[in-house]
Every structure is written in structure tokens, then in C-alpha cells.
Amino acid sequence: MLSRTADHLFWMARYTERAENTARMLDVTTQTALMPQSGNAEKQGWRAMLGISELQPAFDAKYDQLTQRDVIDFMVRDRSNPSSIASCLTQARENARAVRGTLTTELWETHNATFLELESRLKDGMLEQDPGGFFEWVKYRSHLSRGVTIGTTLRDESFYFIRIGTFLERTDNTARLLDVKFHDAGQNMPSDQGLGEETRLDFYFWAAILRSVSAFEIYRKVYRDAITPARVAELLMLRADMPRSLVHCMNEVLANLRHVRNEVSADTERYAGKLHAELQFARIEDILDEGLHAYLTKLLECVFELGQRVSRDFLVPLAA
């Protein structure tokens, strides 16, 4: 496959996944902002989300003060922000258009319809009137794209590069969501923390996080007990049967890399295998002892490096 075609497919998938995960992060932050808390605590939640997305400097350069309305506008409709939902869905559609002949008709029409419907939804005031509904729509369109890909695409290199892009982006975003939310709640929480009457708000906080990654029902099925921070972290990091967990995402990245291996990719495949093995054999107690923020920071650096290696070995070389 031509590296330029692979590049478009890879980034089409990454931008679609990024839009979904931005919607998930905004949704959970909006939900937690509704809980009883001081105005300063609410602002810290929004600021933490901008920080973990590495968008704080860009936001501060544009706005004099931080408000929920401005953060949502910046993260959703602002096309000067390359990570906004509008920018991501536009870029996903442009990458799809560039390789339209490689995609199935159904997949191209899905991306094109998402872009066209996005414009109308931003104009009709849905974001202001029902932000939760808008975020659900973004997630639904991403689900639809992924389902159409699986249901209509030949299992060849095109499919594998789409999957690599999807799961590499999801690894990054799941780690960022975990980091920002544990940062909000306070670091170094004991792994045996439970939920008594005095910590009822904790239940809603952690339940909102689980719902943001479609994991609330999964948590109940797996643990059948009170929601605790350590178990939330374990589910979203180390459970291979959880579709959005870090270890599951890395399993998918590694499996799809093996399908597209070439004469220069062995080192990249080893790097991905090492990262996967570290997650596969990790224990949540050891991670919490080390410090979750430190662990996730290191992981994000490794995921970034893996993305660079994939670009070097398979895609259009990144500009220096």
C-alpha cells in the first residue's frame, strides 16, 4: 500500500476516535460540574481537562478568564483548535475524501454525512440547549463509522491501518481521561476506599467517569460491589476484556501491526509488544504505589513515541 494512502486511513480513524473521546471527556466534566461543589473546584475541573489535553496555553491566549461556556465552545466548535470536535470531524472527512476510492461507499457516506450534519447541529443551537445530547450524537457517529468499517471493509491493509489509528488514539485518550479525573479526585487514594454515607458524592463522581467510557454496566458485572477508585483504574487499564481499557487497546494495536509488518518495522513491533506486556502483567496495587499520575505520564510518552515510529515506518514522514 502507498504510504500516503495508509496515512490518510490512519488519520481518518484517529480523528474520528479523537472527536468521540473529546465528547466523552466534555460529557463527564459537564456531569461532574453539576455536583455540589465550590466555584473554584468547578473551575479546577475544567482547567484540569484543558491541561491534560495540552490545550491550556491555547485557551489562555484566546480567553481572559475560564468559564464552562468558553471551554465547551473552544473544545467543540473552535476550528483554530485542531483538537476540537469540529476540527477532528472535518479532518476525518477530508482524509476520507482523499482516499475515497479505497473506502467502501457506505463508509465514505458515513463520514460525509457526519460532516454535513455537524454543520447543521452547530447552527441550530443544540450544543447550547442540550450539550449532553450533542455529545451523545458525536459518540453515535463514531460508533457508526466503526461499525460500518467492520461490517463492510475487506480485511486487508486498509482495514488494519484504520484499526491501528483507532486503538492508538483510544489508548492515548483513555489514559488522559483517567489522569485528569484522578487528578480531580486527589492523588494517592487508598485502594480499599469504600462508599459510606459520608462519601455518597464519590459514587456519582466515579459513576460519571465509568459512564463516560460506557463502562458502568461492565463495572457492575465484573465487580458486583461498591465503586472504588482503584477498581475503576484497574478496569480501565488492566482488564483485557474491557473494550476501552489500555491493555485491550494495546492488544489491538499490536495485532494489527503484525498484519502490516514490513522490512523496517520489526523494532516498532517490539516496542509495541513491550508496552503491551508491561500493561498485561501489571498489578494495580503496584501502579498505585508508584503513583498513577507518574505511571500515566510515562505511558502517554510511550504512546506518543509509538505513534512516531508507526509514522516513520509506514506513513508519510512527519515534517521536522
C-alpha atoms as a PDB file:
ATOM      1  CA  MET A   1       0.000   0.000   0.000  1.00  0.00           C
ATOM      2  CA  LEU A   2       1.202   3.537  -0.764  1.00  0.00           C
ATOM      3  CA  SER A   3       2.341   5.301   2.385  1.00  0.00           C
ATOM      4  CA  ARG A   4       0.129   8.307   1.573  1.00  0.00           C
ATOM      5  CA  THR A   5      -2.980   6.123   1.379  1.00  0.00           C
ATOM      6  CA  ALA A   6      -2.074   4.436   4.661  1.00  0.00           C
ATOM      7  CA  ASP A   7      -1.503   7.866   6.193  1.00  0.00           C
ATOM      8  CA  HIS A   8      -4.975   9.112   5.221  1.00  0.00           C
ATOM      9  CA  LEU A   9      -6.659   5.968   6.553  1.00  0.00           C
ATOM     10  CA  PHE A  10      -4.681   6.080   9.792  1.00  0.00           C
ATOM     11  CA  TRP A  11      -5.544   9.730  10.460  1.00  0.00           C
ATOM     12  CA  MET A  12      -9.144   9.374   9.351  1.00  0.00           C
ATOM     13  CA  ALA A  13      -9.556   6.809  12.130  1.00  0.00           C
ATOM     14  CA  ARG A  14      -7.553   8.806  14.693  1.00  0.00           C
ATOM     15  CA  TYR A  15      -9.538  11.996  14.138  1.00  0.00           C
ATOM     16  CA  THR A  16     -12.857  10.156  14.386  1.00  0.00           C
ATOM     17  CA  GLU A  17     -11.783   8.489  17.627  1.00  0.00           C
ATOM     18  CA  ARG A  18     -10.407  11.791  18.953  1.00  0.00           C
ATOM     19  CA  ALA A  19     -13.725  13.528  18.336  1.00  0.00           C
ATOM     20  CA  GLU A  20     -15.526  10.776  20.240  1.00  0.00           C
ATOM     21  CA  ASN A  21     -13.122  10.889  23.144  1.00  0.00           C
ATOM     22  CA  THR A  22     -13.259  14.689  23.346  1.00  0.00           C
ATOM     23  CA  ALA A  23     -17.039  14.347  23.544  1.00  0.00           C
ATOM     24  CA  ARG A  24     -16.673  11.758  26.310  1.00  0.00           C
ATOM     25  CA  MET A  25     -14.298  13.966  28.287  1.00  0.00           C
ATOM     26  CA  LEU A  26     -16.554  17.012  27.935  1.00  0.00           C
ATOM     27  CA  ASP A  27     -19.588  14.948  28.883  1.00  0.00           C
ATOM     28  CA  VAL A  28     -18.100  13.635  32.122  1.00  0.00           C
ATOM     29  CA  THR A  29     -16.739  17.078  33.064  1.00  0.00           C
ATOM     30  CA  THR A  30     -20.150  18.632  32.417  1.00  0.00           C
ATOM     31  CA  GLN A  31     -21.824  15.977  34.564  1.00  0.00           C
ATOM     32  CA  THR A  32     -19.400  16.363  37.464  1.00  0.00           C
ATOM     33  CA  ALA A  33     -19.770  20.150  37.273  1.00  0.00           C
ATOM     34  CA  LEU A  34     -23.429  19.674  38.251  1.00  0.00           C
ATOM     35  CA  MET A  35     -22.469  18.133  41.602  1.00  0.00           C
ATOM     36  CA  PRO A  36     -22.456  20.319  44.731  1.00  0.00           C
ATOM     37  CA  GLN A  37     -19.036  21.998  44.859  1.00  0.00           C
ATOM     38  CA  SER A  38     -17.407  25.376  45.137  1.00  0.00           C
ATOM     39  CA  GLY A  39     -16.976  27.579  42.101  1.00  0.00           C
ATOM     40  CA  ASN A  40     -13.216  27.232  42.435  1.00  0.00           C
ATOM     41  CA  ALA A  41     -13.446  23.416  42.422  1.00  0.00           C
ATOM     42  CA  GLU A  42     -15.594  23.527  39.289  1.00  0.00           C
ATOM     43  CA  LYS A  43     -13.066  25.757  37.516  1.00  0.00           C
ATOM     44  CA  GLN A  44     -10.247  23.438  38.531  1.00  0.00           C
ATOM     45  CA  GLY A  45     -12.096  20.567  36.862  1.00  0.00           C
ATOM     46  CA  TRP A  46     -12.343  22.438  33.566  1.00  0.00           C
ATOM     47  CA  ARG A  47      -8.766  23.678  33.827  1.00  0.00           C
ATOM     48  CA  ALA A  48      -7.511  20.147  34.517  1.00  0.00           C
ATOM     49  CA  MET A  49      -9.277  18.903  31.392  1.00  0.00           C
ATOM     50  CA  LEU A  50      -7.602  21.593  29.278  1.00  0.00           C
ATOM     51  CA  GLY A  51      -4.261  20.805  30.894  1.00  0.00           C
ATOM     52  CA  ILE A  52      -4.321  17.078  30.268  1.00  0.00           C
ATOM     53  CA  SER A  53      -5.368  17.777  26.663  1.00  0.00           C
ATOM     54  CA  GLU A  54      -2.350  20.113  26.393  1.00  0.00           C
ATOM     55  CA  LEU A  55      -4.642  22.958  25.352  1.00  0.00           C
ATOM     56  CA  GLN A  56      -4.329  25.277  28.351  1.00  0.00           C
ATOM     57  CA  PRO A  57      -1.862  27.723  26.679  1.00  0.00           C
ATOM     58  CA  ALA A  58      -4.002  27.971  23.523  1.00  0.00           C
ATOM     59  CA  PHE A  59      -7.133  28.586  25.576  1.00  0.00           C
ATOM     60  CA  ASP A  60      -5.490  31.215  27.797  1.00  0.00           C
ATOM     61  CA  ALA A  61      -4.192  33.034  24.726  1.00  0.00           C
ATOM     62  CA  LYS A  62      -7.756  33.410  23.459  1.00  0.00           C
ATOM     63  CA  TYR A  63      -9.806  33.961  26.623  1.00  0.00           C
ATOM     64  CA  ASP A  64      -9.232  36.308  29.559  1.00  0.00           C
ATOM     65  CA  GLN A  65     -10.937  34.016  32.059  1.00  0.00           C
ATOM     66  CA  LEU A  66     -12.109  30.431  32.257  1.00  0.00           C
ATOM     67  CA  THR A  67     -15.829  29.661  32.050  1.00  0.00           C
ATOM     68  CA  GLN A  68     -17.645  26.441  31.251  1.00  0.00           C
ATOM     69  CA  ARG A  69     -19.290  28.010  28.205  1.00  0.00           C
ATOM     70  CA  ASP A  70     -15.976  29.154  26.732  1.00  0.00           C
ATOM     71  CA  VAL A  71     -14.251  25.819  27.364  1.00  0.00           C
ATOM     72  CA  ILE A  72     -17.066  23.914  25.652  1.00  0.00           C
ATOM     73  CA  ASP A  73     -17.052  26.337  22.724  1.00  0.00           C
ATOM     74  CA  PHE A  74     -13.272  26.040  22.415  1.00  0.00           C
ATOM     75  CA  MET A  75     -13.359  22.233  22.564  1.00  0.00           C
ATOM     76  CA  VAL A  76     -16.349  21.779  20.257  1.00  0.00           C
ATOM     77  CA  ARG A  77     -16.725  24.408  17.551  1.00  0.00           C
ATOM     78  CA  ASP A  78     -13.449  26.377  17.506  1.00  0.00           C
ATOM     79  CA  ARG A  79     -11.642  25.425  14.292  1.00  0.00           C
ATOM     80  CA  SER A  80      -8.493  27.230  15.393  1.00  0.00           C
ATOM     81  CA  ASN A  81      -8.189  24.416  17.940  1.00  0.00           C
ATOM     82  CA  PRO A  82      -7.001  21.364  15.945  1.00  0.00           C
ATOM     83  CA  SER A  83      -8.349  19.035  18.652  1.00  0.00           C
ATOM     84  CA  SER A  84     -11.876  20.476  18.750  1.00  0.00           C
ATOM     85  CA  ILE A  85     -14.711  18.175  17.729  1.00  0.00           C
ATOM     86  CA  ALA A  86     -15.454  20.333  14.665  1.00  0.00           C
ATOM     87  CA  SER A  87     -11.803  20.246  13.572  1.00  0.00           C
ATOM     88  CA  CYS A  88     -11.496  16.491  14.137  1.00  0.00           C
ATOM     89  CA  LEU A  89     -14.646  15.540  12.230  1.00  0.00           C
ATOM     90  CA  THR A  90     -13.684  17.889   9.407  1.00  0.00           C
ATOM     91  CA  GLN A  91     -10.205  16.369   9.182  1.00  0.00           C
ATOM     92  CA  ALA A  92     -11.653  12.849   9.339  1.00  0.00           C
ATOM     93  CA  ARG A  93     -13.882  13.664   6.377  1.00  0.00           C
ATOM     94  CA  GLU A  94     -11.041  15.295   4.419  1.00  0.00           C
ATOM     95  CA  ASN A  95      -8.806  12.269   4.930  1.00  0.00           C
ATOM     96  CA  ALA A  96     -11.670  10.004   3.866  1.00  0.00           C
ATOM     97  CA  ARG A  97     -12.254  12.125   0.750  1.00  0.00           C
ATOM     98  CA  ALA A  98      -8.570  11.840  -0.186  1.00  0.00           C
ATOM     99  CA  VAL A  99      -8.840   8.020  -0.322  1.00  0.00           C
ATOM    100  CA  ARG A 100     -12.465   7.766  -1.344  1.00  0.00           C
ATOM    101  CA  GLY A 101     -11.662   5.083  -3.896  1.00  0.00           C
ATOM    102  CA  THR A 102     -10.147   2.901  -1.172  1.00  0.00           C
ATOM    103  CA  LEU A 103     -13.185   3.124   1.124  1.00  0.00           C
ATOM    104  CA  THR A 104     -16.473   1.319   0.694  1.00  0.00           C
ATOM    105  CA  THR A 105     -19.361   3.522  -0.427  1.00  0.00           C
ATOM    106  CA  GLU A 106     -21.064   3.075   2.926  1.00  0.00           C
ATOM    107  CA  LEU A 107     -18.001   4.208   4.894  1.00  0.00           C
ATOM    108  CA  TRP A 108     -17.438   7.305   2.754  1.00  0.00           C
ATOM    109  CA  GLU A 109     -21.118   8.253   3.017  1.00  0.00           C
ATOM    110  CA  THR A 110     -20.958   7.861   6.796  1.00  0.00           C
ATOM    111  CA  HIS A 111     -18.049  10.294   7.129  1.00  0.00           C
ATOM    112  CA  ASN A 112     -19.567  12.744   4.661  1.00  0.00           C
ATOM    113  CA  ALA A 113     -22.974  12.687   6.354  1.00  0.00           C
ATOM    114  CA  THR A 114     -21.362  13.215   9.762  1.00  0.00           C
ATOM    115  CA  PHE A 115     -19.583  16.325   8.493  1.00  0.00           C
ATOM    116  CA  LEU A 116     -22.731  17.752   6.894  1.00  0.00           C
ATOM    117  CA  GLU A 117     -24.908  17.035   9.930  1.00  0.00           C
ATOM    118  CA  LEU A 118     -22.289  18.547  12.232  1.00  0.00           C
ATOM    119  CA  GLU A 119     -22.650  21.911  10.496  1.00  0.00           C
ATOM    120  CA  SER A 120     -26.420  21.910  10.939  1.00  0.00           C
ATOM    121  CA  ARG A 121     -26.251  20.839  14.587  1.00  0.00           C
ATOM    122  CA  LEU A 122     -23.774  23.582  15.446  1.00  0.00           C
ATOM    123  CA  LYS A 123     -26.020  26.159  13.774  1.00  0.00           C
ATOM    124  CA  ASP A 124     -29.322  25.052  15.318  1.00  0.00           C
ATOM    125  CA  GLY A 125     -28.170  25.678  18.895  1.00  0.00           C
ATOM    126  CA  MET A 126     -28.199  22.046  20.034  1.00  0.00           C
ATOM    127  CA  LEU A 127     -24.863  22.444  21.808  1.00  0.00           C
ATOM    128  CA  GLU A 128     -26.189  25.289  23.973  1.00  0.00           C
ATOM    129  CA  GLN A 129     -29.630  23.769  24.595  1.00  0.00           C
ATOM    130  CA  ASP A 130     -28.629  20.158  25.182  1.00  0.00           C
ATOM    131  CA  PRO A 131     -24.846  19.642  25.430  1.00  0.00           C
ATOM    132  CA  GLY A 132     -25.308  16.069  26.679  1.00  0.00           C
ATOM    133  CA  GLY A 133     -27.420  15.254  23.621  1.00  0.00           C
ATOM    134  CA  PHE A 134     -24.816  16.771  21.318  1.00  0.00           C
ATOM    135  CA  PHE A 135     -22.026  14.714  22.903  1.00  0.00           C
ATOM    136  CA  GLU A 136     -24.139  11.573  22.532  1.00  0.00           C
ATOM    137  CA  TRP A 137     -24.594  12.385  18.847  1.00  0.00           C
ATOM    138  CA  VAL A 138     -20.809  12.662  18.368  1.00  0.00           C
ATOM    139  CA  LYS A 139     -20.299   9.316  20.090  1.00  0.00           C
ATOM    140  CA  TYR A 140     -23.050   7.731  17.993  1.00  0.00           C
ATOM    141  CA  ARG A 141     -21.493   8.920  14.734  1.00  0.00           C
ATOM    142  CA  SER A 142     -18.125   7.489  15.789  1.00  0.00           C
ATOM    143  CA  HIS A 143     -19.779   4.181  16.702  1.00  0.00           C
ATOM    144  CA  LEU A 144     -21.492   4.173  13.314  1.00  0.00           C
ATOM    145  CA  SER A 145     -18.229   4.793  11.467  1.00  0.00           C
ATOM    146  CA  ARG A 146     -16.521   1.986  13.360  1.00  0.00           C
ATOM    147  CA  GLY A 147     -19.414  -0.407  12.785  1.00  0.00           C
ATOM    148  CA  VAL A 148     -19.592   0.350   9.069  1.00  0.00           C
ATOM    149  CA  THR A 149     -15.825  -0.166   8.835  1.00  0.00           C
ATOM    150  CA  ILE A 150     -16.059  -3.589  10.471  1.00  0.00           C
ATOM    151  CA  GLY A 151     -19.156  -4.578   8.529  1.00  0.00           C
ATOM    152  CA  THR A 152     -18.122  -3.532   5.017  1.00  0.00           C
ATOM    153  CA  THR A 153     -14.318  -3.374   4.748  1.00  0.00           C
ATOM    154  CA  LEU A 154     -12.148  -6.133   3.320  1.00  0.00           C
ATOM    155  CA  ARG A 155      -9.604  -7.432   5.834  1.00  0.00           C
ATOM    156  CA  ASP A 156      -6.605  -6.032   4.036  1.00  0.00           C
ATOM    157  CA  GLU A 157      -4.033  -3.353   4.801  1.00  0.00           C
ATOM    158  CA  SER A 158      -6.641  -0.588   4.580  1.00  0.00           C
ATOM    159  CA  PHE A 159      -8.616  -2.180   7.402  1.00  0.00           C
ATOM    160  CA  TYR A 160      -5.541  -2.767   9.534  1.00  0.00           C
ATOM    161  CA  PHE A 161      -4.297   0.824   9.290  1.00  0.00           C
ATOM    162  CA  ILE A 162      -7.751   2.102  10.246  1.00  0.00           C
ATOM    163  CA  ARG A 163      -7.703  -0.162  13.295  1.00  0.00           C
ATOM    164  CA  ILE A 164      -4.174   0.874  14.290  1.00  0.00           C
ATOM    165  CA  GLY A 165      -5.224   4.531  14.167  1.00  0.00           C
ATOM    166  CA  THR A 166      -8.384   3.871  16.161  1.00  0.00           C
ATOM    167  CA  PHE A 167      -6.755   1.973  19.009  1.00  0.00           C
ATOM    168  CA  LEU A 168      -3.614   4.078  19.235  1.00  0.00           C
ATOM    169  CA  GLU A 169      -5.795   7.157  19.658  1.00  0.00           C
ATOM    170  CA  ARG A 170      -8.047   5.372  22.152  1.00  0.00           C
ATOM    171  CA  THR A 171      -5.055   4.323  24.248  1.00  0.00           C
ATOM    172  CA  ASP A 172      -3.939   7.939  24.444  1.00  0.00           C
ATOM    173  CA  ASN A 173      -7.378   9.274  25.289  1.00  0.00           C
ATOM    174  CA  THR A 174      -8.290   6.655  27.893  1.00  0.00           C
ATOM    175  CA  ALA A 175      -5.013   7.413  29.685  1.00  0.00           C
ATOM    176  CA  ARG A 176      -5.724  11.161  29.551  1.00  0.00           C
ATOM    177  CA  LEU A 177      -9.272  10.738  30.854  1.00  0.00           C
ATOM    178  CA  LEU A 178      -8.061   8.611  33.755  1.00  0.00           C
ATOM    179  CA  ASP A 179      -5.298  11.070  34.567  1.00  0.00           C
ATOM    180  CA  VAL A 180      -7.492  14.161  34.606  1.00  0.00           C
ATOM    181  CA  LYS A 181     -10.232  12.550  36.665  1.00  0.00           C
ATOM    182  CA  PHE A 182      -7.919  11.038  39.256  1.00  0.00           C
ATOM    183  CA  HIS A 183      -6.206  14.417  39.422  1.00  0.00           C
ATOM    184  CA  ASP A 184      -9.594  15.991  40.172  1.00  0.00           C
ATOM    185  CA  ALA A 185     -10.323  13.496  42.925  1.00  0.00           C
ATOM    186  CA  GLY A 186      -6.901  13.743  44.533  1.00  0.00           C
ATOM    187  CA  GLN A 187      -3.895  11.523  44.114  1.00  0.00           C
ATOM    188  CA  ASN A 188      -2.771   8.581  46.229  1.00  0.00           C
ATOM    189  CA  MET A 189      -6.239   7.364  47.145  1.00  0.00           C
ATOM    190  CA  PRO A 190      -6.200   4.152  49.166  1.00  0.00           C
ATOM    191  CA  SER A 191      -7.095   1.121  47.126  1.00  0.00           C
ATOM    192  CA  ASP A 192      -9.609  -0.108  49.712  1.00  0.00           C
ATOM    193  CA  GLN A 193     -11.653   3.089  49.841  1.00  0.00           C
ATOM    194  CA  GLY A 194     -15.349   2.330  50.080  1.00  0.00           C
ATOM    195  CA  LEU A 195     -18.553   4.345  49.864  1.00  0.00           C
ATOM    196  CA  GLY A 196     -20.236   5.145  53.163  1.00  0.00           C
ATOM    197  CA  GLU A 197     -22.947   7.710  53.796  1.00  0.00           C
ATOM    198  CA  GLU A 198     -20.331  10.456  54.015  1.00  0.00           C
ATOM    199  CA  THR A 199     -18.933   9.666  50.567  1.00  0.00           C
ATOM    200  CA  ARG A 200     -22.124   9.409  48.536  1.00  0.00           C
ATOM    201  CA  LEU A 201     -20.881  12.117  46.183  1.00  0.00           C
ATOM    202  CA  ASP A 202     -17.908   9.921  45.358  1.00  0.00           C
ATOM    203  CA  PHE A 203     -20.306   7.362  43.917  1.00  0.00           C
ATOM    204  CA  TYR A 204     -21.728   9.868  41.435  1.00  0.00           C
ATOM    205  CA  PHE A 205     -18.248  11.130  40.567  1.00  0.00           C
ATOM    206  CA  TRP A 206     -16.835   7.698  39.727  1.00  0.00           C
ATOM    207  CA  ALA A 207     -20.094   6.518  38.150  1.00  0.00           C
ATOM    208  CA  ALA A 208     -19.948   9.503  35.790  1.00  0.00           C
ATOM    209  CA  ILE A 209     -16.417   8.538  34.779  1.00  0.00           C
ATOM    210  CA  LEU A 210     -17.459   4.943  34.122  1.00  0.00           C
ATOM    211  CA  ARG A 211     -20.457   6.078  32.067  1.00  0.00           C
ATOM    212  CA  SER A 212     -18.197   8.387  30.069  1.00  0.00           C
ATOM    213  CA  VAL A 213     -16.406   5.309  28.691  1.00  0.00           C
ATOM    214  CA  SER A 214     -19.529   3.109  28.530  1.00  0.00           C
ATOM    215  CA  ALA A 215     -18.228   1.039  31.432  1.00  0.00           C
ATOM    216  CA  PHE A 216     -20.785   1.461  34.240  1.00  0.00           C
ATOM    217  CA  GLU A 217     -22.688  -1.753  33.488  1.00  0.00           C
ATOM    218  CA  ILE A 218     -19.417  -3.571  32.817  1.00  0.00           C
ATOM    219  CA  TYR A 219     -18.093  -2.498  36.230  1.00  0.00           C
ATOM    220  CA  ARG A 220     -21.214  -3.845  37.934  1.00  0.00           C
ATOM    221  CA  LYS A 221     -20.934  -7.135  36.075  1.00  0.00           C
ATOM    222  CA  VAL A 222     -17.221  -7.582  36.865  1.00  0.00           C
ATOM    223  CA  TYR A 223     -17.026  -6.398  40.483  1.00  0.00           C
ATOM    224  CA  ARG A 224     -20.614  -6.571  41.811  1.00  0.00           C
ATOM    225  CA  ASP A 225     -19.634  -4.219  44.612  1.00  0.00           C
ATOM    226  CA  ALA A 226     -19.166  -0.578  45.550  1.00  0.00           C
ATOM    227  CA  ILE A 227     -17.357   1.653  43.090  1.00  0.00           C
ATOM    228  CA  THR A 228     -13.831   2.386  44.291  1.00  0.00           C
ATOM    229  CA  PRO A 229     -11.100   4.413  42.561  1.00  0.00           C
ATOM    230  CA  ALA A 230      -8.663   1.501  42.485  1.00  0.00           C
ATOM    231  CA  ARG A 231     -11.155  -0.761  40.731  1.00  0.00           C
ATOM    232  CA  VAL A 232     -12.089   1.958  38.255  1.00  0.00           C
ATOM    233  CA  ALA A 233      -8.383   2.298  37.415  1.00  0.00           C
ATOM    234  CA  GLU A 234      -7.962  -1.467  37.158  1.00  0.00           C
ATOM    235  CA  LEU A 235     -10.964  -1.820  34.840  1.00  0.00           C
ATOM    236  CA  LEU A 236      -9.866   0.983  32.523  1.00  0.00           C
ATOM    237  CA  MET A 237      -6.213  -0.021  32.482  1.00  0.00           C
ATOM    238  CA  LEU A 238      -5.659  -3.730  33.030  1.00  0.00           C
ATOM    239  CA  ARG A 239      -8.834  -5.638  32.080  1.00  0.00           C
ATOM    240  CA  ALA A 240      -8.217  -7.130  28.635  1.00  0.00           C
ATOM    241  CA  ASP A 241     -11.951  -7.883  28.223  1.00  0.00           C
ATOM    242  CA  MET A 242     -12.897  -4.203  28.646  1.00  0.00           C
ATOM    243  CA  PRO A 243     -13.109  -2.650  25.127  1.00  0.00           C
ATOM    244  CA  ARG A 244     -11.695   0.750  26.103  1.00  0.00           C
ATOM    245  CA  SER A 245      -9.033  -0.419  28.558  1.00  0.00           C
ATOM    246  CA  LEU A 246      -5.401   0.397  27.931  1.00  0.00           C
ATOM    247  CA  VAL A 247      -4.323  -3.232  27.716  1.00  0.00           C
ATOM    248  CA  HIS A 248      -7.131  -4.108  25.279  1.00  0.00           C
ATOM    249  CA  CYS A 249      -6.241  -1.155  23.038  1.00  0.00           C
ATOM    250  CA  MET A 250      -2.565  -2.106  23.005  1.00  0.00           C
ATOM    251  CA  ASN A 251      -3.508  -5.700  22.219  1.00  0.00           C
ATOM    252  CA  GLU A 252      -5.363  -4.442  19.136  1.00  0.00           C
ATOM    253  CA  VAL A 253      -2.520  -2.133  18.091  1.00  0.00           C
ATOM    254  CA  LEU A 254       0.000  -4.962  18.330  1.00  0.00           C
ATOM    255  CA  ALA A 255      -2.203  -7.481  16.499  1.00  0.00           C
ATOM    256  CA  ASN A 256      -2.828  -5.104  13.600  1.00  0.00           C
ATOM    257  CA  LEU A 257       0.821  -4.059  13.394  1.00  0.00           C
ATOM    258  CA  ARG A 258       1.693  -7.713  12.806  1.00  0.00           C
ATOM    259  CA  HIS A 259      -0.634  -7.767   9.799  1.00  0.00           C
ATOM    260  CA  VAL A 260       1.137  -4.834   8.103  1.00  0.00           C
ATOM    261  CA  ARG A 261       4.739  -5.539   9.118  1.00  0.00           C
ATOM    262  CA  ASN A 262       7.410  -4.667   6.574  1.00  0.00           C
ATOM    263  CA  GLU A 263      11.181  -4.908   6.322  1.00  0.00           C
ATOM    264  CA  VAL A 264      11.797  -1.901   8.612  1.00  0.00           C
ATOM    265  CA  SER A 265       9.030  -2.289  11.219  1.00  0.00           C
ATOM    266  CA  ALA A 266      10.451  -5.015  13.471  1.00  0.00           C
ATOM    267  CA  ASP A 267      11.741  -2.537  16.040  1.00  0.00           C
ATOM    268  CA  THR A 268       8.378  -0.740  16.160  1.00  0.00           C
ATOM    269  CA  GLU A 269       6.615  -4.049  16.653  1.00  0.00           C
ATOM    270  CA  ARG A 270       8.979  -4.915  19.518  1.00  0.00           C
ATOM    271  CA  TYR A 271       8.353  -1.509  21.104  1.00  0.00           C
ATOM    272  CA  ALA A 272       4.593  -2.045  20.924  1.00  0.00           C
ATOM    273  CA  GLY A 273       4.995  -5.576  22.310  1.00  0.00           C
ATOM    274  CA  LYS A 274       6.994  -4.328  25.269  1.00  0.00           C
ATOM    275  CA  LEU A 275       4.389  -1.666  26.076  1.00  0.00           C
ATOM    276  CA  HIS A 276       1.619  -4.241  25.789  1.00  0.00           C
ATOM    277  CA  ALA A 277       3.467  -6.723  28.042  1.00  0.00           C
ATOM    278  CA  GLU A 278       4.013  -4.082  30.731  1.00  0.00           C
ATOM    279  CA  LEU A 279       0.258  -3.487  30.872  1.00  0.00           C
ATOM    280  CA  GLN A 280      -0.663  -7.151  30.532  1.00  0.00           C
ATOM    281  CA  PHE A 281       1.384  -8.225  33.547  1.00  0.00           C
ATOM    282  CA  ALA A 282       0.974  -5.115  35.707  1.00  0.00           C
ATOM    283  CA  ARG A 283      -0.850  -5.118  39.060  1.00  0.00           C
ATOM    284  CA  ILE A 284      -2.991  -2.158  40.030  1.00  0.00           C
ATOM    285  CA  GLU A 285      -1.517  -2.152  43.551  1.00  0.00           C
ATOM    286  CA  ASP A 286       1.973  -1.640  42.148  1.00  0.00           C
ATOM    287  CA  ILE A 287       0.766   1.146  39.842  1.00  0.00           C
ATOM    288  CA  LEU A 288      -0.948   2.983  42.706  1.00  0.00           C
ATOM    289  CA  ASP A 289       2.144   2.603  44.876  1.00  0.00           C
ATOM    290  CA  GLU A 290       4.246   4.128  42.100  1.00  0.00           C
ATOM    291  CA  GLY A 291       1.706   6.919  41.640  1.00  0.00           C
ATOM    292  CA  LEU A 292      -0.996   6.824  38.994  1.00  0.00           C
ATOM    293  CA  HIS A 293      -0.160  10.231  37.537  1.00  0.00           C
ATOM    294  CA  ALA A 294       3.519   9.335  37.129  1.00  0.00           C
ATOM    295  CA  TYR A 295       2.628   5.993  35.547  1.00  0.00           C
ATOM    296  CA  LEU A 296       0.144   7.507  33.090  1.00  0.00           C
ATOM    297  CA  THR A 297       2.521  10.330  32.188  1.00  0.00           C
ATOM    298  CA  LYS A 298       5.182   7.784  31.271  1.00  0.00           C
ATOM    299  CA  LEU A 299       2.636   5.714  29.367  1.00  0.00           C
ATOM    300  CA  LEU A 300       1.492   8.727  27.335  1.00  0.00           C
ATOM    301  CA  GLU A 301       5.100   9.421  26.380  1.00  0.00           C
ATOM    302  CA  CYS A 302       5.451   5.814  25.192  1.00  0.00           C
ATOM    303  CA  VAL A 303       2.200   6.005  23.190  1.00  0.00           C
ATOM    304  CA  PHE A 304       3.429   9.208  21.521  1.00  0.00           C
ATOM    305  CA  GLU A 305       6.740   7.535  20.680  1.00  0.00           C
ATOM    306  CA  LEU A 306       4.899   4.531  19.246  1.00  0.00           C
ATOM    307  CA  GLY A 307       2.850   6.843  17.031  1.00  0.00           C
ATOM    308  CA  GLN A 308       6.062   8.450  15.801  1.00  0.00           C
ATOM    309  CA  ARG A 309       7.517   5.044  14.991  1.00  0.00           C
ATOM    310  CA  VAL A 310       4.385   3.987  13.092  1.00  0.00           C
ATOM    311  CA  SER A 311       4.586   7.194  11.058  1.00  0.00           C
ATOM    312  CA  ARG A 312       8.267   6.620  10.341  1.00  0.00           C
ATOM    313  CA  ASP A 313       7.849   3.001   9.230  1.00  0.00           C
ATOM    314  CA  PHE A 314       4.557   3.098   7.340  1.00  0.00           C
ATOM    315  CA  LEU A 315       3.153   6.571   6.729  1.00  0.00           C
ATOM    316  CA  VAL A 316       4.052   9.892   5.147  1.00  0.00           C
ATOM    317  CA  PRO A 317       7.119  11.153   7.069  1.00  0.00           C
ATOM    318  CA  LEU A 318       6.261  13.812   9.639  1.00  0.00           C
ATOM    319  CA  ALA A 319       7.609  17.295   9.000  1.00  0.00           C
ATOM    320  CA  ALA A 320      10.739  18.063  11.019  1.00  0.00           C
END
